[in-house]
């Protein structure tokens, strides 16, 4: 695309991890870059969008350096945020010298593609996925290693760290069922934990959070049975507040863990 009909010869940034990053993607990108250089153009770089990004960046940099392209950019993407970027930098700092590379020089040529984590609330994330367009010209079924047209499939790593390949396998109905059940189960557990936190008085806040009280005649709720059956929101308004917060907790997967972490931090400060 960068060379054919001279389309974008000075803005050539190639995605190299579609099939096999180190044995196919990067070597083919280098061939394109060499053709561009012979025509008087300067390539922009390559993009890595899957796998062990730190390891692949190191190995890709080695190949690019050996081919005479020490300055082209290496763009990293795939749901990056500040913590993932920090982990990548730390791993490169530790491992790059083992491969004869200057870690600071490599880090300096990296470009980070941050999108999903920047524009969406991670409590309600965007749907991530990879679309593979597959069709069969001859015969009655998909070729070896492909999920086939109209089928849901997944790709597995094989042959070493950070490599893609090995074809695809169809997802079983049981897999899809499990994936579908995970969000409601996590939401139900979060709502239950929040309910217990309200009952224990761990989360309080005047009119903002519900108040729990014992509804038994003696107002003591001193046994487990009365605690389960007679202890709850003090009145109708508190019931409403409880339902609202449990509903929110069921849909915001980070609400309960973040709140518990904050409470623990506050207790530690005291």
C-alpha atoms as a PDB file:
ATOM      1  CA  UNK A   1       0.000   0.000   0.000  1.00  0.00           C
ATOM      2  CA  UNK A   2       2.931   2.346   0.730  1.00  0.00           C
ATOM      3  CA  UNK A   3       4.621   1.607  -2.609  1.00  0.00           C
ATOM      4  CA  UNK A   4       1.867   0.612  -5.043  1.00  0.00           C
ATOM      5  CA  UNK A   5       0.912   3.621  -7.128  1.00  0.00           C
ATOM      6  CA  UNK A   6       3.103   5.721  -4.802  1.00  0.00           C
ATOM      7  CA  UNK A   7       0.375   5.851  -2.159  1.00  0.00           C
ATOM      8  CA  UNK A   8       1.652   7.462   1.059  1.00  0.00           C
ATOM      9  CA  UNK A   9       5.355   6.781   0.386  1.00  0.00           C
ATOM     10  CA  UNK A  10       6.393   9.342   3.015  1.00  0.00           C
ATOM     11  CA  UNK A  11       3.861   8.218   5.627  1.00  0.00           C
ATOM     12  CA  UNK A  12       4.492   4.493   5.630  1.00  0.00           C
ATOM     13  CA  UNK A  13       3.583   2.894   8.958  1.00  0.00           C
ATOM     14  CA  UNK A  14       3.114  -0.876   8.696  1.00  0.00           C
ATOM     15  CA  UNK A  15       1.190  -3.182  11.038  1.00  0.00           C
ATOM     16  CA  UNK A  16       3.462  -6.205  11.390  1.00  0.00           C
ATOM     17  CA  UNK A  17       1.721  -8.583  13.798  1.00  0.00           C
ATOM     18  CA  UNK A  18      -1.119  -9.860  11.614  1.00  0.00           C
ATOM     19  CA  UNK A  19       0.343 -13.372  11.146  1.00  0.00           C
ATOM     20  CA  UNK A  20       3.853 -13.917  12.526  1.00  0.00           C
ATOM     21  CA  UNK A  21       5.492 -10.795  13.875  1.00  0.00           C
ATOM     22  CA  UNK A  22       9.165 -11.720  13.949  1.00  0.00           C
ATOM     23  CA  UNK A  23       9.429 -14.270  11.137  1.00  0.00           C
ATOM     24  CA  UNK A  24       7.106 -12.588   8.646  1.00  0.00           C
ATOM     25  CA  UNK A  25       5.787  -9.177   9.664  1.00  0.00           C
ATOM     26  CA  UNK A  26       9.003  -7.327  10.495  1.00  0.00           C
ATOM     27  CA  UNK A  27      11.104  -8.914   7.685  1.00  0.00           C
ATOM     28  CA  UNK A  28       8.455  -8.002   5.102  1.00  0.00           C
ATOM     29  CA  UNK A  29       8.242  -4.479   6.498  1.00  0.00           C
ATOM     30  CA  UNK A  30      12.015  -4.166   6.129  1.00  0.00           C
ATOM     31  CA  UNK A  31      11.753  -5.194   2.466  1.00  0.00           C
ATOM     32  CA  UNK A  32       9.175  -2.462   1.912  1.00  0.00           C
ATOM     33  CA  UNK A  33      11.345   0.069   3.748  1.00  0.00           C
ATOM     34  CA  UNK A  34      14.338  -0.838   1.581  1.00  0.00           C
ATOM     35  CA  UNK A  35      12.317  -0.232  -1.570  1.00  0.00           C
ATOM     36  CA  UNK A  36      11.134   3.103  -0.195  1.00  0.00           C
ATOM     37  CA  UNK A  37      14.693   4.105   0.664  1.00  0.00           C
ATOM     38  CA  UNK A  38      15.868   3.279  -2.861  1.00  0.00           C
ATOM     39  CA  UNK A  39      13.142   5.591  -4.160  1.00  0.00           C
ATOM     40  CA  UNK A  40      14.291   8.401  -1.897  1.00  0.00           C
ATOM     41  CA  UNK A  41      11.607   8.094   0.770  1.00  0.00           C
ATOM     42  CA  UNK A  42      11.930   7.701   4.538  1.00  0.00           C
ATOM     43  CA  UNK A  43       9.598   5.177   6.237  1.00  0.00           C
ATOM     44  CA  UNK A  44       7.803   6.185   9.409  1.00  0.00           C
ATOM     45  CA  UNK A  45       7.890   2.869  11.249  1.00  0.00           C
ATOM     46  CA  UNK A  46       6.088  -0.297  12.282  1.00  0.00           C
ATOM     47  CA  UNK A  47       3.163  -0.969  14.603  1.00  0.00           C
ATOM     48  CA  UNK A  48       2.768  -3.779  17.147  1.00  0.00           C
ATOM     49  CA  UNK A  49      -0.775  -4.442  18.321  1.00  0.00           C
ATOM     50  CA  UNK A  50      -0.670  -7.797  20.135  1.00  0.00           C
ATOM     51  CA  UNK A  51       1.492 -10.171  22.112  1.00  0.00           C
ATOM     52  CA  UNK A  52       4.265  -9.307  24.554  1.00  0.00           C
ATOM     53  CA  UNK A  53       4.791  -5.738  23.338  1.00  0.00           C
ATOM     54  CA  UNK A  54       8.034  -5.128  25.254  1.00  0.00           C
ATOM     55  CA  UNK A  55       9.660  -8.331  24.011  1.00  0.00           C
ATOM     56  CA  UNK A  56       8.447  -7.815  20.455  1.00  0.00           C
ATOM     57  CA  UNK A  57       9.656  -4.201  20.479  1.00  0.00           C
ATOM     58  CA  UNK A  58      13.138  -5.383  21.497  1.00  0.00           C
ATOM     59  CA  UNK A  59      13.302  -8.083  18.821  1.00  0.00           C
ATOM     60  CA  UNK A  60      11.823  -5.806  16.143  1.00  0.00           C
ATOM     61  CA  UNK A  61      14.370  -3.117  17.021  1.00  0.00           C
ATOM     62  CA  UNK A  62      17.198  -5.632  16.590  1.00  0.00           C
ATOM     63  CA  UNK A  63      15.986  -6.553  13.121  1.00  0.00           C
ATOM     64  CA  UNK A  64      15.426  -2.930  12.112  1.00  0.00           C
ATOM     65  CA  UNK A  65      18.861  -1.889  13.401  1.00  0.00           C
ATOM     66  CA  UNK A  66      20.585  -4.722  11.532  1.00  0.00           C
ATOM     67  CA  UNK A  67      18.782  -3.676   8.344  1.00  0.00           C
ATOM     68  CA  UNK A  68      19.933  -0.075   8.687  1.00  0.00           C
ATOM     69  CA  UNK A  69      16.761   1.473  10.105  1.00  0.00           C
ATOM     70  CA  UNK A  70      17.753   2.465  13.675  1.00  0.00           C
ATOM     71  CA  UNK A  71      15.571   5.571  13.738  1.00  0.00           C
ATOM     72  CA  UNK A  72      12.166   4.397  12.465  1.00  0.00           C
ATOM     73  CA  UNK A  73       9.441   4.502  15.069  1.00  0.00           C
ATOM     74  CA  UNK A  74       7.949   1.466  16.784  1.00  0.00           C
ATOM     75  CA  UNK A  75       4.307   2.143  17.587  1.00  0.00           C
ATOM     76  CA  UNK A  76       2.731   0.107  20.380  1.00  0.00           C
ATOM     77  CA  UNK A  77      -1.031  -0.246  20.794  1.00  0.00           C
ATOM     78  CA  UNK A  78      -3.681  -2.579  22.226  1.00  0.00           C
ATOM     79  CA  UNK A  79      -5.623  -1.031  25.129  1.00  0.00           C
ATOM     80  CA  UNK A  80      -2.647   0.761  26.625  1.00  0.00           C
ATOM     81  CA  UNK A  81      -2.872   2.885  29.741  1.00  0.00           C
ATOM     82  CA  UNK A  82      -0.302   4.465  32.032  1.00  0.00           C
ATOM     83  CA  UNK A  83       0.268   1.270  34.008  1.00  0.00           C
ATOM     84  CA  UNK A  84       0.763  -0.910  30.918  1.00  0.00           C
ATOM     85  CA  UNK A  85       3.169   1.658  29.459  1.00  0.00           C
ATOM     86  CA  UNK A  86       5.125   1.726  32.720  1.00  0.00           C
ATOM     87  CA  UNK A  87       5.365  -2.077  32.662  1.00  0.00           C
ATOM     88  CA  UNK A  88       6.594  -2.004  29.058  1.00  0.00           C
ATOM     89  CA  UNK A  89       9.279   0.572  29.856  1.00  0.00           C
ATOM     90  CA  UNK A  90      10.384  -1.361  32.933  1.00  0.00           C
ATOM     91  CA  UNK A  91      10.636  -4.632  31.007  1.00  0.00           C
ATOM     92  CA  UNK A  92      12.599  -3.017  28.180  1.00  0.00           C
ATOM     93  CA  UNK A  93      14.965  -1.364  30.665  1.00  0.00           C
ATOM     94  CA  UNK A  94      15.690  -4.766  32.211  1.00  0.00           C
ATOM     95  CA  UNK A  95      15.842  -6.928  29.088  1.00  0.00           C
ATOM     96  CA  UNK A  96      17.154  -4.744  26.233  1.00  0.00           C
ATOM     97  CA  UNK A  97      20.818  -4.854  27.400  1.00  0.00           C
ATOM     98  CA  UNK A  98      20.671  -8.659  27.251  1.00  0.00           C
ATOM     99  CA  UNK A  99      20.187  -8.346  23.478  1.00  0.00           C
ATOM    100  CA  UNK A 100      22.887  -5.711  22.973  1.00  0.00           C
ATOM    101  CA  UNK A 101      20.462  -2.787  22.745  1.00  0.00           C
ATOM    102  CA  UNK A 102      20.545   0.594  24.446  1.00  0.00           C
ATOM    103  CA  UNK A 103      17.331   0.654  26.487  1.00  0.00           C
ATOM    104  CA  UNK A 104      17.055   4.454  26.523  1.00  0.00           C
ATOM    105  CA  UNK A 105      17.525   4.667  22.765  1.00  0.00           C
ATOM    106  CA  UNK A 106      14.840   2.035  22.192  1.00  0.00           C
ATOM    107  CA  UNK A 107      12.402   3.672  24.601  1.00  0.00           C
ATOM    108  CA  UNK A 108      13.004   6.971  22.841  1.00  0.00           C
ATOM    109  CA  UNK A 109      11.803   5.587  19.497  1.00  0.00           C
ATOM    110  CA  UNK A 110       8.592   4.114  20.910  1.00  0.00           C
ATOM    111  CA  UNK A 111       5.216   5.701  20.196  1.00  0.00           C
ATOM    112  CA  UNK A 112       2.198   4.739  22.286  1.00  0.00           C
ATOM    113  CA  UNK A 113      -1.243   4.433  20.743  1.00  0.00           C
ATOM    114  CA  UNK A 114      -3.688   5.111  23.590  1.00  0.00           C
ATOM    115  CA  UNK A 115      -7.347   5.030  22.648  1.00  0.00           C
ATOM    116  CA  UNK A 116      -9.820   2.714  24.359  1.00  0.00           C
ATOM    117  CA  UNK A 117      -8.640   3.391  27.910  1.00  0.00           C
ATOM    118  CA  UNK A 118      -8.607   7.133  27.193  1.00  0.00           C
ATOM    119  CA  UNK A 119     -12.094   7.638  25.741  1.00  0.00           C
ATOM    120  CA  UNK A 120     -14.133   5.125  27.785  1.00  0.00           C
ATOM    121  CA  UNK A 121     -14.787   4.564  31.460  1.00  0.00           C
ATOM    122  CA  UNK A 122     -13.063   1.291  32.298  1.00  0.00           C
ATOM    123  CA  UNK A 123     -15.925   0.422  34.630  1.00  0.00           C
ATOM    124  CA  UNK A 124     -18.043   0.248  31.456  1.00  0.00           C
ATOM    125  CA  UNK A 125     -15.412  -0.625  28.817  1.00  0.00           C
ATOM    126  CA  UNK A 126     -15.698  -0.775  25.082  1.00  0.00           C
ATOM    127  CA  UNK A 127     -16.072  -4.152  23.410  1.00  0.00           C
ATOM    128  CA  UNK A 128     -12.681  -5.304  22.160  1.00  0.00           C
ATOM    129  CA  UNK A 129     -12.270  -7.840  19.407  1.00  0.00           C
ATOM    130  CA  UNK A 130     -10.411  -8.882  16.287  1.00  0.00           C
ATOM    131  CA  UNK A 131     -12.222  -9.394  12.992  1.00  0.00           C
ATOM    132  CA  UNK A 132     -10.749 -11.842  10.518  1.00  0.00           C
ATOM    133  CA  UNK A 133     -12.265 -11.828   7.033  1.00  0.00           C
ATOM    134  CA  UNK A 134     -12.252 -15.403   5.739  1.00  0.00           C
ATOM    135  CA  UNK A 135     -13.797 -16.931   2.608  1.00  0.00           C
ATOM    136  CA  UNK A 136     -13.350 -20.174   0.702  1.00  0.00           C
ATOM    137  CA  UNK A 137     -12.957 -20.126  -3.081  1.00  0.00           C
ATOM    138  CA  UNK A 138     -13.124 -23.866  -3.735  1.00  0.00           C
ATOM    139  CA  UNK A 139     -14.330 -26.857  -1.795  1.00  0.00           C
ATOM    140  CA  UNK A 140     -16.989 -27.244   0.801  1.00  0.00           C
ATOM    141  CA  UNK A 141     -15.283 -26.136   3.968  1.00  0.00           C
ATOM    142  CA  UNK A 142     -12.770 -23.716   5.474  1.00  0.00           C
ATOM    143  CA  UNK A 143      -9.082 -24.237   4.865  1.00  0.00           C
ATOM    144  CA  UNK A 144      -6.768 -25.692   7.519  1.00  0.00           C
ATOM    145  CA  UNK A 145      -6.280 -23.453  10.510  1.00  0.00           C
ATOM    146  CA  UNK A 146      -9.154 -21.070   9.820  1.00  0.00           C
ATOM    147  CA  UNK A 147     -12.404 -20.742  11.702  1.00  0.00           C
ATOM    148  CA  UNK A 148     -14.322 -20.290   8.450  1.00  0.00           C
ATOM    149  CA  UNK A 149     -16.880 -17.821   7.199  1.00  0.00           C
ATOM    150  CA  UNK A 150     -19.760 -17.292   9.614  1.00  0.00           C
ATOM    151  CA  UNK A 151     -18.036 -18.984  12.547  1.00  0.00           C
ATOM    152  CA  UNK A 152     -16.701 -17.536  15.782  1.00  0.00           C
ATOM    153  CA  UNK A 153     -13.045 -18.376  16.314  1.00  0.00           C
ATOM    154  CA  UNK A 154     -10.026 -17.533  18.423  1.00  0.00           C
ATOM    155  CA  UNK A 155      -6.311 -17.531  17.651  1.00  0.00           C
ATOM    156  CA  UNK A 156      -3.796 -19.137  19.953  1.00  0.00           C
ATOM    157  CA  UNK A 157      -0.107 -18.418  20.402  1.00  0.00           C
ATOM    158  CA  UNK A 158       2.407 -21.098  19.536  1.00  0.00           C
ATOM    159  CA  UNK A 159       6.128 -21.487  18.985  1.00  0.00           C
ATOM    160  CA  UNK A 160       7.416 -19.147  21.646  1.00  0.00           C
ATOM    161  CA  UNK A 161       6.947 -15.920  23.453  1.00  0.00           C
ATOM    162  CA  UNK A 162       5.158 -13.079  21.757  1.00  0.00           C
ATOM    163  CA  UNK A 163       4.370 -14.946  18.535  1.00  0.00           C
ATOM    164  CA  UNK A 164       1.049 -15.379  16.855  1.00  0.00           C
ATOM    165  CA  UNK A 165       0.017 -18.285  14.756  1.00  0.00           C
ATOM    166  CA  UNK A 166      -1.210 -21.822  15.000  1.00  0.00           C
ATOM    167  CA  UNK A 167      -4.464 -21.077  13.228  1.00  0.00           C
ATOM    168  CA  UNK A 168      -7.832 -20.880  14.905  1.00  0.00           C
ATOM    169  CA  UNK A 169     -10.326 -23.146  16.518  1.00  0.00           C
ATOM    170  CA  UNK A 170     -14.053 -22.733  16.732  1.00  0.00           C
ATOM    171  CA  UNK A 171     -15.346 -21.591  20.062  1.00  0.00           C
ATOM    172  CA  UNK A 172     -17.520 -24.196  21.717  1.00  0.00           C
ATOM    173  CA  UNK A 173     -21.012 -23.279  22.818  1.00  0.00           C
ATOM    174  CA  UNK A 174     -19.949 -23.924  26.412  1.00  0.00           C
ATOM    175  CA  UNK A 175     -17.160 -21.317  26.055  1.00  0.00           C
ATOM    176  CA  UNK A 176     -19.627 -18.709  24.848  1.00  0.00           C
ATOM    177  CA  UNK A 177     -21.967 -19.580  27.725  1.00  0.00           C
ATOM    178  CA  UNK A 178     -19.197 -19.092  30.279  1.00  0.00           C
ATOM    179  CA  UNK A 179     -18.174 -15.761  28.735  1.00  0.00           C
ATOM    180  CA  UNK A 180     -21.791 -14.601  28.817  1.00  0.00           C
ATOM    181  CA  UNK A 181     -22.219 -15.584  32.487  1.00  0.00           C
ATOM    182  CA  UNK A 182     -19.112 -13.844  33.830  1.00  0.00           C
ATOM    183  CA  UNK A 183     -20.460 -10.224  33.843  1.00  0.00           C
ATOM    184  CA  UNK A 184     -23.741 -10.983  35.677  1.00  0.00           C
ATOM    185  CA  UNK A 185     -21.965 -13.196  38.224  1.00  0.00           C
ATOM    186  CA  UNK A 186     -19.364 -10.495  38.919  1.00  0.00           C
ATOM    187  CA  UNK A 187     -22.133  -7.894  39.149  1.00  0.00           C
ATOM    188  CA  UNK A 188     -24.154 -10.010  41.590  1.00  0.00           C
ATOM    189  CA  UNK A 189     -21.111 -10.577  43.816  1.00  0.00           C
ATOM    190  CA  UNK A 190     -20.299  -6.853  43.778  1.00  0.00           C
ATOM    191  CA  UNK A 191     -23.868  -5.993  44.777  1.00  0.00           C
ATOM    192  CA  UNK A 192     -23.792  -8.571  47.590  1.00  0.00           C
ATOM    193  CA  UNK A 193     -20.472  -7.249  48.931  1.00  0.00           C
ATOM    194  CA  UNK A 194     -21.792  -3.691  48.877  1.00  0.00           C
ATOM    195  CA  UNK A 195     -24.961  -4.771  50.719  1.00  0.00           C
ATOM    196  CA  UNK A 196     -22.818  -6.384  53.433  1.00  0.00           C
ATOM    197  CA  UNK A 197     -20.670  -3.234  53.650  1.00  0.00           C
ATOM    198  CA  UNK A 198     -23.815  -1.156  54.225  1.00  0.00           C
ATOM    199  CA  UNK A 199     -25.058  -3.599  56.873  1.00  0.00           C
ATOM    200  CA  UNK A 200     -21.702  -3.528  58.671  1.00  0.00           C
ATOM    201  CA  UNK A 201     -21.656   0.260  58.717  1.00  0.00           C
ATOM    202  CA  UNK A 202     -18.400   0.327  56.757  1.00  0.00           C
ATOM    203  CA  UNK A 203     -19.936   2.626  54.155  1.00  0.00           C
ATOM    204  CA  UNK A 204     -21.847   5.551  55.664  1.00  0.00           C
ATOM    205  CA  UNK A 205     -22.645   9.022  54.501  1.00  0.00           C
ATOM    206  CA  UNK A 206     -25.754  10.689  55.902  1.00  0.00           C
ATOM    207  CA  UNK A 207     -28.478  10.949  53.269  1.00  0.00           C
ATOM    208  CA  UNK A 208     -26.166   9.637  50.549  1.00  0.00           C
ATOM    209  CA  UNK A 209     -25.937   6.010  51.757  1.00  0.00           C
ATOM    210  CA  UNK A 210     -28.616   3.845  53.409  1.00  0.00           C
ATOM    211  CA  UNK A 211     -28.865   3.279  57.152  1.00  0.00           C
ATOM    212  CA  UNK A 212     -29.420  -0.261  58.429  1.00  0.00           C
ATOM    213  CA  UNK A 213     -31.210  -1.142  61.643  1.00  0.00           C
ATOM    214  CA  UNK A 214     -32.620  -4.128  63.497  1.00  0.00           C
ATOM    215  CA  UNK A 215     -36.341  -4.642  62.879  1.00  0.00           C
ATOM    216  CA  UNK A 216     -36.808  -7.261  65.607  1.00  0.00           C
ATOM    217  CA  UNK A 217     -39.041  -6.490  68.568  1.00  0.00           C
ATOM    218  CA  UNK A 218     -36.127  -6.394  70.986  1.00  0.00           C
ATOM    219  CA  UNK A 219     -34.076  -4.260  68.550  1.00  0.00           C
ATOM    220  CA  UNK A 220     -31.010  -6.373  69.316  1.00  0.00           C
ATOM    221  CA  UNK A 221     -30.601  -8.877  66.460  1.00  0.00           C
ATOM    222  CA  UNK A 222     -28.162 -10.775  68.631  1.00  0.00           C
ATOM    223  CA  UNK A 223     -28.392 -14.083  66.781  1.00  0.00           C
ATOM    224  CA  UNK A 224     -27.393 -15.114  63.302  1.00  0.00           C
ATOM    225  CA  UNK A 225     -31.011 -15.893  62.410  1.00  0.00           C
ATOM    226  CA  UNK A 226     -32.264 -12.456  63.427  1.00  0.00           C
ATOM    227  CA  UNK A 227     -29.275 -10.843  61.739  1.00  0.00           C
ATOM    228  CA  UNK A 228     -30.221 -12.498  58.455  1.00  0.00           C
ATOM    229  CA  UNK A 229     -33.974 -12.004  58.642  1.00  0.00           C
ATOM    230  CA  UNK A 230     -34.493  -8.912  60.791  1.00  0.00           C
ATOM    231  CA  UNK A 231     -31.513  -6.671  60.058  1.00  0.00           C
ATOM    232  CA  UNK A 232     -31.788  -4.414  57.010  1.00  0.00           C
ATOM    233  CA  UNK A 233     -32.560  -0.922  55.704  1.00  0.00           C
ATOM    234  CA  UNK A 234     -34.188   1.176  58.397  1.00  0.00           C
ATOM    235  CA  UNK A 235     -37.118   2.482  56.295  1.00  0.00           C
ATOM    236  CA  UNK A 236     -38.470   2.705  52.746  1.00  0.00           C
ATOM    237  CA  UNK A 237     -36.053   5.480  51.799  1.00  0.00           C
ATOM    238  CA  UNK A 238     -33.098   3.387  52.931  1.00  0.00           C
ATOM    239  CA  UNK A 239     -34.433   0.435  50.931  1.00  0.00           C
ATOM    240  CA  UNK A 240     -34.508   2.671  47.860  1.00  0.00           C
ATOM    241  CA  UNK A 241     -30.952   3.890  48.461  1.00  0.00           C
ATOM    242  CA  UNK A 242     -29.770   0.294  48.908  1.00  0.00           C
ATOM    243  CA  UNK A 243     -31.375  -0.809  45.646  1.00  0.00           C
ATOM    244  CA  UNK A 244     -29.825   2.119  43.763  1.00  0.00           C
ATOM    245  CA  UNK A 245     -26.313   1.430  45.045  1.00  0.00           C
ATOM    246  CA  UNK A 246     -26.538  -2.329  44.505  1.00  0.00           C
ATOM    247  CA  UNK A 247     -27.758  -1.682  40.963  1.00  0.00           C
ATOM    248  CA  UNK A 248     -24.815   0.659  40.350  1.00  0.00           C
ATOM    249  CA  UNK A 249     -22.376  -1.874  41.837  1.00  0.00           C
ATOM    250  CA  UNK A 250     -23.731  -4.574  39.559  1.00  0.00           C
ATOM    251  CA  UNK A 251     -22.886  -2.583  36.434  1.00  0.00           C
ATOM    252  CA  UNK A 252     -19.716  -0.766  37.543  1.00  0.00           C
ATOM    253  CA  UNK A 253     -17.221  -3.584  38.041  1.00  0.00           C
ATOM    254  CA  UNK A 254     -14.558  -1.346  39.588  1.00  0.00           C
ATOM    255  CA  UNK A 255     -16.817   0.437  42.093  1.00  0.00           C
ATOM    256  CA  UNK A 256     -16.634  -2.109  44.910  1.00  0.00           C
ATOM    257  CA  UNK A 257     -12.894  -2.981  44.602  1.00  0.00           C
ATOM    258  CA  UNK A 258     -11.939   0.696  44.395  1.00  0.00           C
ATOM    259  CA  UNK A 259     -14.144   1.581  47.373  1.00  0.00           C
ATOM    260  CA  UNK A 260     -12.709  -1.247  49.481  1.00  0.00           C
ATOM    261  CA  UNK A 261      -9.174  -0.206  48.507  1.00  0.00           C
ATOM    262  CA  UNK A 262      -9.928   3.374  49.567  1.00  0.00           C
ATOM    263  CA  UNK A 263     -11.376   2.229  52.891  1.00  0.00           C
ATOM    264  CA  UNK A 264      -8.322   0.056  53.546  1.00  0.00           C
ATOM    265  CA  UNK A 265      -6.002   2.946  52.740  1.00  0.00           C
ATOM    266  CA  UNK A 266      -7.960   5.216  55.084  1.00  0.00           C
ATOM    267  CA  UNK A 267      -7.792   2.658  57.879  1.00  0.00           C
ATOM    268  CA  UNK A 268      -4.047   2.354  57.356  1.00  0.00           C
ATOM    269  CA  UNK A 269      -3.572   6.122  57.670  1.00  0.00           C
ATOM    270  CA  UNK A 270      -5.402   6.096  60.989  1.00  0.00           C
END
